[in-house]
Amino acid sequence: MAAPIALPDTFARAVAGLRSATPRPEILLEEVGAPQRLAPYSFALSASVLRDGDEVATGRLILLHDPAGHEAWQGTLRLVTYVTAELEADLAADPLLPGVGWTWLTDALDAQEAGHRAIGGTITQTMSTRFGELAGPPAAADIEIRASWTPTGIGLAPHLYAWCTLLASTAGLPPPGITALPEHRRATTG
């Protein structure tokens, strides 16, 4: 039987920080297998965001660690995320959506005081219309946010909270402590 591999202290403390954070109740986190070829050490979480019992957004957060450092990362740790959510078609067609999606991430990092550098990413809007045997519901639309950044410290709980804020924004959840007003349809009399 092989002896367990000792993890570098930096990586072990970073993982502990991610595990220590508790997201809001609508966000379900699960540890999942991490890609093994991107860095010598990796850890990953997946998330599902629920609204009224329905999954409205999903995401993955991957922690990478290379003790030798990585020039492009400007450090030894890197966080990589992928978040996707369904949108109303008119929202997905808005040309301002990519800029808004990017500010969801950067504002969340700033609000949580999650120090970072070397941030980059893409925002993708997609619209799908079904035809033939797949015909059915009206056009479907999605937003995808792919980003990575280097944390400036190894206490990563603020980064996890920022990521959860990004997930909530992407899913259209109200801020914590705010209750969304129910949608009422006005009755018409004839």
N, C-alpha and C. Protein backbone atom coordinates (compact mmCIF):
# COMPACT_ATOMS: atom_id res chain seq x y z
N MET A 1 0.85 -1.18 0.00
CA MET A 1 0.00 0.00 0.00
C MET A 1 0.90 1.24 0.00
N ALA A 2 0.63 2.16 -0.89
CA ALA A 2 1.44 3.37 -1.02
C ALA A 2 1.14 4.33 0.13
N ALA A 3 2.19 5.02 0.56
CA ALA A 3 2.02 6.02 1.61
C ALA A 3 1.25 7.21 1.04
N PRO A 4 0.41 7.85 1.86
CA PRO A 4 -0.31 9.01 1.36
C PRO A 4 0.66 10.13 0.97
N ILE A 5 0.31 10.84 -0.06
CA ILE A 5 1.15 11.93 -0.55
C ILE A 5 0.87 13.17 0.29
N ALA A 6 1.92 13.77 0.81
CA ALA A 6 1.74 14.99 1.59
C ALA A 6 1.47 16.15 0.63
N LEU A 7 0.44 16.91 0.93
CA LEU A 7 0.09 18.06 0.11
C LEU A 7 0.90 19.27 0.57
N PRO A 8 1.29 20.12 -0.36
CA PRO A 8 1.98 21.34 0.05
C PRO A 8 1.07 22.16 0.97
N ASP A 9 1.68 22.80 1.98
CA ASP A 9 0.92 23.57 2.96
C ASP A 9 0.06 24.64 2.29
N THR A 10 0.60 25.33 1.29
CA THR A 10 -0.16 26.38 0.60
C THR A 10 -1.44 25.82 0.00
N PHE A 11 -1.33 24.69 -0.67
CA PHE A 11 -2.49 24.07 -1.30
C PHE A 11 -3.48 23.57 -0.24
N ALA A 12 -2.98 22.90 0.78
CA ALA A 12 -3.85 22.36 1.83
C ALA A 12 -4.63 23.48 2.52
N ARG A 13 -3.97 24.61 2.80
CA ARG A 13 -4.64 25.74 3.45
C ARG A 13 -5.66 26.39 2.50
N ALA A 14 -5.34 26.45 1.21
CA ALA A 14 -6.27 27.02 0.23
C ALA A 14 -7.53 26.16 0.13
N VAL A 15 -7.35 24.85 0.07
CA VAL A 15 -8.51 23.93 0.02
C VAL A 15 -9.34 24.06 1.29
N ALA A 16 -8.68 24.14 2.44
CA ALA A 16 -9.40 24.29 3.71
C ALA A 16 -10.23 25.57 3.70
N GLY A 17 -9.70 26.64 3.13
CA GLY A 17 -10.46 27.88 3.04
C GLY A 17 -11.70 27.74 2.18
N LEU A 18 -11.58 27.03 1.06
CA LEU A 18 -12.75 26.80 0.21
C LEU A 18 -13.79 25.94 0.92
N ARG A 19 -13.32 24.92 1.64
CA ARG A 19 -14.25 24.03 2.35
C ARG A 19 -14.91 24.70 3.54
N SER A 20 -14.30 25.75 4.09
CA SER A 20 -14.82 26.38 5.31
C SER A 20 -16.01 27.29 5.05
N ALA A 21 -16.19 27.73 3.83
CA ALA A 21 -17.25 28.69 3.52
C ALA A 21 -18.59 27.98 3.35
N THR A 22 -19.63 28.59 3.85
CA THR A 22 -20.99 28.05 3.72
C THR A 22 -21.80 29.00 2.84
N PRO A 23 -22.24 28.53 1.68
CA PRO A 23 -23.00 29.41 0.78
C PRO A 23 -24.44 29.60 1.25
N ARG A 24 -25.13 30.51 0.61
CA ARG A 24 -26.54 30.71 0.90
C ARG A 24 -27.31 29.43 0.55
N PRO A 25 -28.50 29.22 1.13
CA PRO A 25 -29.18 27.93 1.00
C PRO A 25 -29.58 27.53 -0.41
N GLU A 26 -29.74 28.50 -1.31
CA GLU A 26 -30.14 28.16 -2.69
C GLU A 26 -28.99 27.57 -3.50
N ILE A 27 -27.77 27.63 -2.98
CA ILE A 27 -26.60 27.15 -3.71
C ILE A 27 -26.09 25.86 -3.07
N LEU A 28 -26.14 24.79 -3.84
CA LEU A 28 -25.68 23.49 -3.36
C LEU A 28 -24.29 23.21 -3.93
N LEU A 29 -23.32 22.99 -3.04
CA LEU A 29 -21.95 22.71 -3.46
C LEU A 29 -21.64 21.24 -3.29
N GLU A 30 -20.77 20.74 -4.15
CA GLU A 30 -20.33 19.36 -4.08
C GLU A 30 -18.88 19.29 -4.58
N GLU A 31 -18.05 18.57 -3.83
CA GLU A 31 -16.68 18.35 -4.30
C GLU A 31 -16.73 17.34 -5.45
N VAL A 32 -16.02 17.65 -6.52
CA VAL A 32 -15.99 16.79 -7.69
C VAL A 32 -14.54 16.57 -8.11
N GLY A 33 -14.34 15.62 -8.99
CA GLY A 33 -12.99 15.37 -9.50
C GLY A 33 -12.46 16.59 -10.24
N ALA A 34 -11.21 16.89 -9.99
CA ALA A 34 -10.58 18.06 -10.62
C ALA A 34 -9.71 17.61 -11.78
N PRO A 35 -9.54 18.46 -12.78
CA PRO A 35 -8.63 18.11 -13.88
C PRO A 35 -7.21 17.88 -13.34
N GLN A 36 -6.55 16.86 -13.82
CA GLN A 36 -5.24 16.50 -13.29
C GLN A 36 -4.07 17.01 -14.12
N ARG A 37 -4.33 17.51 -15.31
CA ARG A 37 -3.23 17.89 -16.21
C ARG A 37 -2.93 19.38 -16.22
N LEU A 38 -3.72 20.18 -15.53
CA LEU A 38 -3.54 21.62 -15.58
C LEU A 38 -2.48 22.12 -14.60
N ALA A 39 -2.29 21.39 -13.51
CA ALA A 39 -1.33 21.78 -12.48
C ALA A 39 -1.00 20.54 -11.65
N PRO A 40 0.12 20.57 -10.93
CA PRO A 40 0.46 19.41 -10.09
C PRO A 40 -0.59 19.09 -9.04
N TYR A 41 -1.30 20.11 -8.54
CA TYR A 41 -2.33 19.90 -7.53
C TYR A 41 -3.59 20.64 -7.95
N SER A 42 -4.75 20.00 -7.75
CA SER A 42 -6.01 20.64 -8.11
C SER A 42 -7.13 20.15 -7.22
N PHE A 43 -8.15 20.98 -7.12
CA PHE A 43 -9.33 20.71 -6.30
C PHE A 43 -10.50 21.37 -7.01
N ALA A 44 -11.68 20.75 -6.97
CA ALA A 44 -12.82 21.32 -7.70
C ALA A 44 -14.13 21.17 -6.92
N LEU A 45 -14.97 22.17 -7.11
CA LEU A 45 -16.32 22.19 -6.58
C LEU A 45 -17.29 22.40 -7.73
N SER A 46 -18.46 21.77 -7.65
CA SER A 46 -19.52 22.10 -8.59
C SER A 46 -20.65 22.70 -7.78
N ALA A 47 -21.47 23.50 -8.44
CA ALA A 47 -22.59 24.16 -7.77
C ALA A 47 -23.84 24.06 -8.61
N SER A 48 -24.95 23.94 -7.93
CA SER A 48 -26.27 24.04 -8.54
C SER A 48 -27.00 25.14 -7.78
N VAL A 49 -27.64 26.03 -8.53
CA VAL A 49 -28.41 27.10 -7.92
C VAL A 49 -29.88 26.79 -8.14
N LEU A 50 -30.63 26.75 -7.03
CA LEU A 50 -32.04 26.42 -7.10
C LEU A 50 -32.89 27.65 -6.79
N ARG A 51 -33.94 27.80 -7.57
CA ARG A 51 -34.94 28.84 -7.30
C ARG A 51 -36.30 28.15 -7.38
N ASP A 52 -37.03 28.19 -6.28
CA ASP A 52 -38.34 27.51 -6.20
C ASP A 52 -38.23 26.04 -6.58
N GLY A 53 -37.13 25.40 -6.18
CA GLY A 53 -36.94 23.98 -6.43
C GLY A 53 -36.40 23.64 -7.81
N ASP A 54 -36.27 24.62 -8.70
CA ASP A 54 -35.76 24.36 -10.04
C ASP A 54 -34.31 24.80 -10.15
N GLU A 55 -33.51 24.00 -10.83
CA GLU A 55 -32.12 24.37 -11.07
C GLU A 55 -32.09 25.46 -12.14
N VAL A 56 -31.54 26.64 -11.79
CA VAL A 56 -31.53 27.76 -12.71
C VAL A 56 -30.13 28.17 -13.15
N ALA A 57 -29.11 27.64 -12.48
CA ALA A 57 -27.73 27.93 -12.88
C ALA A 57 -26.84 26.83 -12.32
N THR A 58 -25.71 26.63 -12.99
CA THR A 58 -24.71 25.67 -12.52
C THR A 58 -23.33 26.30 -12.67
N GLY A 59 -22.39 25.72 -11.97
CA GLY A 59 -21.04 26.23 -12.09
C GLY A 59 -20.02 25.25 -11.57
N ARG A 60 -18.78 25.57 -11.87
CA ARG A 60 -17.65 24.78 -11.38
C ARG A 60 -16.55 25.76 -11.02
N LEU A 61 -15.91 25.52 -9.88
CA LEU A 61 -14.77 26.31 -9.43
C LEU A 61 -13.61 25.36 -9.22
N ILE A 62 -12.50 25.64 -9.89
CA ILE A 62 -11.33 24.78 -9.81
C ILE A 62 -10.17 25.57 -9.22
N LEU A 63 -9.53 24.97 -8.23
CA LEU A 63 -8.32 25.53 -7.64
C LEU A 63 -7.14 24.77 -8.20
N LEU A 64 -6.20 25.51 -8.77
CA LEU A 64 -4.97 24.92 -9.29
C LEU A 64 -3.80 25.41 -8.45
N HIS A 65 -2.81 24.53 -8.23
CA HIS A 65 -1.61 24.93 -7.49
C HIS A 65 -0.38 24.33 -8.16
N ASP A 66 0.56 25.21 -8.47
CA ASP A 66 1.86 24.79 -8.98
C ASP A 66 2.91 25.41 -8.06
N PRO A 67 3.53 24.61 -7.19
CA PRO A 67 4.50 25.16 -6.24
C PRO A 67 5.64 25.93 -6.90
N ALA A 68 5.96 25.60 -8.15
CA ALA A 68 7.03 26.30 -8.86
C ALA A 68 6.56 27.66 -9.39
N GLY A 69 5.27 27.92 -9.30
CA GLY A 69 4.74 29.16 -9.83
C GLY A 69 4.48 29.05 -11.32
N HIS A 70 3.73 29.98 -11.81
CA HIS A 70 3.38 29.99 -13.22
C HIS A 70 3.39 31.45 -13.67
N GLU A 71 4.19 31.76 -14.66
CA GLU A 71 4.36 33.15 -15.09
C GLU A 71 3.04 33.81 -15.46
N ALA A 72 2.20 33.13 -16.22
CA ALA A 72 0.92 33.72 -16.65
C ALA A 72 -0.01 33.94 -15.46
N TRP A 73 0.10 33.09 -14.45
CA TRP A 73 -0.74 33.24 -13.26
C TRP A 73 -0.27 34.38 -12.38
N GLN A 74 1.00 34.68 -12.43
CA GLN A 74 1.62 35.64 -11.51
C GLN A 74 1.51 35.15 -10.07
N GLY A 75 1.69 33.84 -9.89
CA GLY A 75 1.61 33.24 -8.56
C GLY A 75 1.63 31.74 -8.64
N THR A 76 1.33 31.09 -7.50
CA THR A 76 1.34 29.63 -7.44
C THR A 76 -0.06 29.04 -7.36
N LEU A 77 -1.07 29.87 -7.10
CA LEU A 77 -2.46 29.41 -7.04
C LEU A 77 -3.25 30.08 -8.16
N ARG A 78 -4.24 29.38 -8.68
CA ARG A 78 -5.12 29.95 -9.71
C ARG A 78 -6.52 29.40 -9.49
N LEU A 79 -7.52 30.25 -9.57
CA LEU A 79 -8.92 29.84 -9.53
C LEU A 79 -9.50 29.97 -10.93
N VAL A 80 -10.22 28.95 -11.36
CA VAL A 80 -10.82 28.90 -12.69
C VAL A 80 -12.31 28.60 -12.49
N THR A 81 -13.17 29.34 -13.18
CA THR A 81 -14.60 29.09 -13.03
C THR A 81 -15.31 29.02 -14.37
N TYR A 82 -16.40 28.29 -14.33
CA TYR A 82 -17.34 28.21 -15.44
C TYR A 82 -18.72 28.29 -14.79
N VAL A 83 -19.54 29.24 -15.22
CA VAL A 83 -20.89 29.40 -14.70
C VAL A 83 -21.83 29.53 -15.89
N THR A 84 -22.97 28.86 -15.84
CA THR A 84 -23.96 28.97 -16.91
C THR A 84 -25.36 29.05 -16.31
N ALA A 85 -26.22 29.81 -16.99
CA ALA A 85 -27.61 29.94 -16.54
C ALA A 85 -28.50 30.21 -17.73
N GLU A 86 -29.74 29.74 -17.64
CA GLU A 86 -30.73 30.07 -18.66
C GLU A 86 -31.21 31.49 -18.43
N LEU A 87 -31.52 32.17 -19.52
CA LEU A 87 -32.03 33.53 -19.46
C LEU A 87 -33.28 33.66 -20.31
N GLU A 88 -34.00 34.72 -20.08
CA GLU A 88 -35.10 35.05 -20.98
C GLU A 88 -34.45 35.52 -22.29
N ALA A 89 -35.08 35.20 -23.40
CA ALA A 89 -34.49 35.49 -24.71
C ALA A 89 -34.18 36.97 -24.89
N ASP A 90 -35.04 37.86 -24.40
CA ASP A 90 -34.77 39.29 -24.59
C ASP A 90 -33.56 39.75 -23.80
N LEU A 91 -33.30 39.14 -22.65
CA LEU A 91 -32.09 39.46 -21.88
C LEU A 91 -30.85 38.99 -22.61
N ALA A 92 -30.90 37.78 -23.16
CA ALA A 92 -29.73 37.22 -23.84
C ALA A 92 -29.37 38.02 -25.08
N ALA A 93 -30.35 38.68 -25.67
CA ALA A 93 -30.10 39.47 -26.88
C ALA A 93 -29.55 40.86 -26.57
N ASP A 94 -29.53 41.25 -25.32
CA ASP A 94 -29.07 42.58 -24.93
C ASP A 94 -27.56 42.70 -25.16
N PRO A 95 -27.11 43.65 -25.97
CA PRO A 95 -25.68 43.78 -26.23
C PRO A 95 -24.87 44.21 -25.01
N LEU A 96 -25.54 44.70 -23.96
CA LEU A 96 -24.84 45.09 -22.75
C LEU A 96 -24.61 43.93 -21.79
N LEU A 97 -25.24 42.77 -22.06
CA LEU A 97 -25.15 41.63 -21.15
C LEU A 97 -23.72 41.18 -20.86
N PRO A 98 -22.84 41.05 -21.83
CA PRO A 98 -21.47 40.60 -21.49
C PRO A 98 -20.78 41.52 -20.48
N GLY A 99 -20.91 42.82 -20.66
CA GLY A 99 -20.30 43.75 -19.70
C GLY A 99 -20.91 43.63 -18.32
N VAL A 100 -22.22 43.44 -18.26
CA VAL A 100 -22.89 43.26 -16.98
C VAL A 100 -22.42 41.96 -16.32
N GLY A 101 -22.34 40.88 -17.11
CA GLY A 101 -21.88 39.60 -16.57
C GLY A 101 -20.47 39.70 -16.00
N TRP A 102 -19.62 40.45 -16.68
CA TRP A 102 -18.24 40.60 -16.19
C TRP A 102 -18.23 41.37 -14.87
N THR A 103 -19.07 42.40 -14.76
CA THR A 103 -19.09 43.17 -13.51
C THR A 103 -19.68 42.34 -12.37
N TRP A 104 -20.55 41.38 -12.68
CA TRP A 104 -21.03 40.49 -11.61
C TRP A 104 -19.84 39.83 -10.93
N LEU A 105 -18.86 39.37 -11.73
CA LEU A 105 -17.68 38.72 -11.17
C LEU A 105 -16.78 39.72 -10.45
N THR A 106 -16.39 40.78 -11.12
CA THR A 106 -15.43 41.71 -10.52
C THR A 106 -16.02 42.42 -9.30
N ASP A 107 -17.30 42.79 -9.36
CA ASP A 107 -17.93 43.41 -8.19
C ASP A 107 -18.02 42.44 -7.02
N ALA A 108 -18.30 41.17 -7.31
CA ALA A 108 -18.38 40.16 -6.24
C ALA A 108 -17.02 39.99 -5.57
N LEU A 109 -15.95 39.91 -6.36
CA LEU A 109 -14.61 39.80 -5.78
C LEU A 109 -14.29 41.02 -4.92
N ASP A 110 -14.61 42.20 -5.43
CA ASP A 110 -14.34 43.42 -4.68
C ASP A 110 -15.18 43.49 -3.39
N ALA A 111 -16.45 43.14 -3.47
CA ALA A 111 -17.34 43.22 -2.31
C ALA A 111 -16.90 42.27 -1.20
N GLN A 112 -16.34 41.13 -1.58
CA GLN A 112 -15.88 40.15 -0.59
C GLN A 112 -14.43 40.40 -0.17
N GLU A 113 -13.83 41.45 -0.73
CA GLU A 113 -12.42 41.76 -0.46
C GLU A 113 -11.54 40.55 -0.75
N ALA A 114 -11.84 39.90 -1.86
CA ALA A 114 -11.09 38.73 -2.33
C ALA A 114 -9.98 39.25 -3.24
N GLY A 115 -8.83 39.53 -2.64
CA GLY A 115 -7.71 40.09 -3.40
C GLY A 115 -7.32 39.19 -4.56
N HIS A 116 -7.09 39.80 -5.73
CA HIS A 116 -6.79 39.01 -6.92
C HIS A 116 -5.95 39.83 -7.90
N ARG A 117 -5.35 39.11 -8.84
CA ARG A 117 -4.62 39.73 -9.95
C ARG A 117 -4.70 38.79 -11.14
N ALA A 118 -4.24 39.27 -12.28
CA ALA A 118 -4.20 38.47 -13.52
C ALA A 118 -5.55 37.85 -13.84
N ILE A 119 -6.62 38.65 -13.72
CA ILE A 119 -7.97 38.15 -14.00
C ILE A 119 -8.26 38.26 -15.50
N GLY A 120 -8.93 37.26 -16.01
CA GLY A 120 -9.32 37.26 -17.42
C GLY A 120 -10.48 36.32 -17.62
N GLY A 121 -11.19 36.49 -18.73
CA GLY A 121 -12.29 35.58 -18.98
C GLY A 121 -13.10 35.96 -20.19
N THR A 122 -14.17 35.21 -20.40
CA THR A 122 -15.09 35.44 -21.52
C THR A 122 -16.53 35.33 -21.03
N ILE A 123 -17.39 36.07 -21.69
CA ILE A 123 -18.83 35.97 -21.45
C ILE A 123 -19.46 35.60 -22.80
N THR A 124 -20.25 34.55 -22.79
CA THR A 124 -20.88 34.08 -24.03
C THR A 124 -22.40 34.08 -23.86
N GLN A 125 -23.08 34.65 -24.85
CA GLN A 125 -24.54 34.63 -24.90
C GLN A 125 -24.92 33.66 -26.02
N THR A 126 -25.87 32.78 -25.75
CA THR A 126 -26.33 31.87 -26.80
C THR A 126 -27.85 31.89 -26.87
N MET A 127 -28.35 31.75 -28.09
CA MET A 127 -29.79 31.64 -28.33
C MET A 127 -30.01 30.38 -29.15
N SER A 128 -30.98 29.58 -28.76
CA SER A 128 -31.29 28.35 -29.48
C SER A 128 -32.76 28.32 -29.83
N THR A 129 -33.05 27.98 -31.09
CA THR A 129 -34.42 27.80 -31.54
C THR A 129 -34.54 26.36 -32.02
N ARG A 130 -35.56 25.67 -31.55
CA ARG A 130 -35.73 24.25 -31.87
C ARG A 130 -36.64 24.07 -33.09
N PHE A 131 -36.28 23.07 -33.92
CA PHE A 131 -37.06 22.77 -35.13
C PHE A 131 -37.28 21.27 -35.24
N GLY A 132 -38.21 20.90 -36.11
CA GLY A 132 -38.46 19.50 -36.42
C GLY A 132 -38.86 18.71 -35.19
N GLU A 133 -38.22 17.56 -35.02
CA GLU A 133 -38.54 16.67 -33.90
C GLU A 133 -38.20 17.30 -32.55
N LEU A 134 -37.35 18.32 -32.54
CA LEU A 134 -36.98 18.99 -31.30
C LEU A 134 -37.83 20.24 -31.05
N ALA A 135 -38.77 20.52 -31.97
CA ALA A 135 -39.60 21.71 -31.82
C ALA A 135 -40.36 21.64 -30.51
N GLY A 136 -40.58 22.76 -29.95
CA GLY A 136 -41.29 22.77 -28.67
C GLY A 136 -41.29 24.15 -28.08
N PRO A 137 -40.69 24.26 -26.91
CA PRO A 137 -40.73 25.55 -26.22
C PRO A 137 -40.13 26.66 -27.07
N PRO A 138 -40.45 27.89 -26.71
CA PRO A 138 -39.87 29.00 -27.46
C PRO A 138 -38.35 29.01 -27.34
N ALA A 139 -37.75 29.94 -28.04
CA ALA A 139 -36.29 30.03 -28.07
C ALA A 139 -35.72 29.99 -26.66
N ALA A 140 -34.62 29.28 -26.51
CA ALA A 140 -33.93 29.19 -25.23
C ALA A 140 -32.66 30.04 -25.31
N ALA A 141 -32.29 30.63 -24.20
CA ALA A 141 -31.11 31.48 -24.16
C ALA A 141 -30.30 31.18 -22.92
N ASP A 142 -28.98 31.31 -23.05
CA ASP A 142 -28.06 31.03 -21.93
C ASP A 142 -26.99 32.11 -21.88
N ILE A 143 -26.40 32.24 -20.69
CA ILE A 143 -25.19 33.01 -20.51
C ILE A 143 -24.15 32.06 -19.92
N GLU A 144 -22.92 32.17 -20.41
CA GLU A 144 -21.82 31.40 -19.88
C GLU A 144 -20.71 32.37 -19.49
N ILE A 145 -20.22 32.19 -18.28
CA ILE A 145 -19.11 33.01 -17.79
C ILE A 145 -17.95 32.07 -17.52
N ARG A 146 -16.85 32.31 -18.20
CA ARG A 146 -15.61 31.55 -17.99
C ARG A 146 -14.55 32.56 -17.56
N ALA A 147 -13.91 32.31 -16.44
CA ALA A 147 -12.93 33.27 -15.96
C ALA A 147 -11.90 32.56 -15.09
N SER A 148 -10.76 33.23 -14.93
CA SER A 148 -9.75 32.74 -13.99
C SER A 148 -9.03 33.95 -13.40
N TRP A 149 -8.51 33.75 -12.20
CA TRP A 149 -7.79 34.80 -11.51
C TRP A 149 -6.85 34.18 -10.49
N THR A 150 -5.86 34.95 -10.09
CA THR A 150 -4.89 34.52 -9.10
C THR A 150 -5.21 35.20 -7.78
N PRO A 151 -5.52 34.42 -6.73
CA PRO A 151 -5.74 35.04 -5.44
C PRO A 151 -4.43 35.60 -4.89
N THR A 152 -4.51 36.71 -4.17
CA THR A 152 -3.29 37.31 -3.63
C THR A 152 -2.91 36.75 -2.27
N GLY A 153 -3.74 35.89 -1.71
CA GLY A 153 -3.44 35.22 -0.45
C GLY A 153 -3.92 33.78 -0.53
N ILE A 154 -3.73 33.02 0.57
CA ILE A 154 -4.19 31.63 0.54
C ILE A 154 -5.48 31.41 1.32
N GLY A 155 -6.01 32.46 1.95
CA GLY A 155 -7.31 32.38 2.60
C GLY A 155 -8.39 32.53 1.53
N LEU A 156 -8.94 31.43 1.06
CA LEU A 156 -9.81 31.49 -0.11
C LEU A 156 -11.31 31.54 0.19
N ALA A 157 -11.72 31.59 1.46
CA ALA A 157 -13.15 31.69 1.76
C ALA A 157 -13.77 32.91 1.08
N PRO A 158 -13.13 34.10 1.09
CA PRO A 158 -13.75 35.24 0.39
C PRO A 158 -13.93 34.99 -1.11
N HIS A 159 -13.04 34.22 -1.71
CA HIS A 159 -13.17 33.90 -3.14
C HIS A 159 -14.37 32.98 -3.37
N LEU A 160 -14.59 32.04 -2.45
CA LEU A 160 -15.75 31.16 -2.60
C LEU A 160 -17.03 31.97 -2.43
N TYR A 161 -17.07 32.88 -1.45
CA TYR A 161 -18.26 33.72 -1.29
C TYR A 161 -18.49 34.60 -2.50
N ALA A 162 -17.42 35.12 -3.08
CA ALA A 162 -17.55 35.93 -4.30
C ALA A 162 -18.10 35.08 -5.44
N TRP A 163 -17.60 33.85 -5.57
CA TRP A 163 -18.08 32.95 -6.62
C TRP A 163 -19.56 32.64 -6.41
N CYS A 164 -19.98 32.44 -5.17
CA CYS A 164 -21.39 32.19 -4.88
C CYS A 164 -22.24 33.42 -5.22
N THR A 165 -21.70 34.60 -4.98
CA THR A 165 -22.40 35.83 -5.37
C THR A 165 -22.56 35.89 -6.89
N LEU A 166 -21.50 35.52 -7.62
CA LEU A 166 -21.58 35.45 -9.08
C LEU A 166 -22.67 34.47 -9.51
N LEU A 167 -22.69 33.30 -8.91
CA LEU A 167 -23.72 32.30 -9.23
C LEU A 167 -25.12 32.86 -8.98
N ALA A 168 -25.30 33.52 -7.84
CA ALA A 168 -26.62 34.08 -7.50
C ALA A 168 -27.02 35.17 -8.49
N SER A 169 -26.08 36.02 -8.86
CA SER A 169 -26.39 37.09 -9.82
C SER A 169 -26.76 36.50 -11.17
N THR A 170 -26.00 35.50 -11.60
CA THR A 170 -26.26 34.86 -12.89
C THR A 170 -27.62 34.18 -12.90
N ALA A 171 -28.00 33.63 -11.75
CA ALA A 171 -29.29 32.93 -11.63
C ALA A 171 -30.46 33.87 -11.40
N GLY A 172 -30.17 35.15 -11.18
CA GLY A 172 -31.24 36.12 -10.95
C GLY A 172 -31.81 36.07 -9.55
N LEU A 173 -31.04 35.55 -8.57
CA LEU A 173 -31.52 35.53 -7.19
C LEU A 173 -31.42 36.93 -6.58
N PRO A 174 -32.35 37.28 -5.73
CA PRO A 174 -32.22 38.57 -5.04
C PRO A 174 -31.07 38.51 -4.04
N PRO A 175 -30.52 39.66 -3.65
CA PRO A 175 -29.46 39.65 -2.65
C PRO A 175 -29.94 38.99 -1.36
N PRO A 176 -29.02 38.42 -0.55
CA PRO A 176 -29.43 37.80 0.72
C PRO A 176 -30.19 38.81 1.58
N GLY A 177 -31.25 38.32 2.22
CA GLY A 177 -32.05 39.18 3.08
C GLY A 177 -33.16 39.93 2.36
N ILE A 178 -33.17 39.86 1.03
CA ILE A 178 -34.21 40.51 0.22
C ILE A 178 -35.12 39.43 -0.33
N THR A 179 -36.41 39.62 -0.18
CA THR A 179 -37.37 38.66 -0.71
C THR A 179 -37.93 39.19 -2.02
N ALA A 180 -37.88 38.37 -3.04
CA ALA A 180 -38.43 38.77 -4.34
C ALA A 180 -39.95 38.83 -4.23
N LEU A 181 -40.51 39.84 -4.83
CA LEU A 181 -41.96 39.95 -4.86
C LEU A 181 -42.52 38.90 -5.80
N PRO A 182 -43.63 38.27 -5.42
CA PRO A 182 -44.21 37.27 -6.31
C PRO A 182 -44.75 37.96 -7.55
N GLU A 183 -44.68 37.24 -8.65
CA GLU A 183 -45.23 37.78 -9.90
C GLU A 183 -46.73 37.56 -9.89
N HIS A 184 -47.47 38.65 -10.04
CA HIS A 184 -48.94 38.55 -10.10
C HIS A 184 -49.40 38.98 -11.47
N ARG A 185 -50.36 38.25 -11.95
CA ARG A 185 -50.94 38.63 -13.22
C ARG A 185 -52.20 39.42 -12.91
N ARG A 186 -52.32 40.53 -13.57
CA ARG A 186 -53.47 41.39 -13.35
C ARG A 186 -54.70 40.74 -13.99
N ALA A 187 -55.72 40.61 -13.21
CA ALA A 187 -56.98 40.05 -13.72
C ALA A 187 -57.67 41.11 -14.56
N THR A 188 -58.22 40.67 -15.63
CA THR A 188 -58.97 41.60 -16.49
C THR A 188 -60.45 41.27 -16.39
N THR A 189 -61.24 42.28 -16.45
CA THR A 189 -62.68 42.04 -16.42
C THR A 189 -63.23 42.35 -17.80
N GLY A 190 -64.18 41.60 -18.20
CA GLY A 190 -64.64 41.76 -19.55
C GLY A 190 -66.00 42.14 -19.66
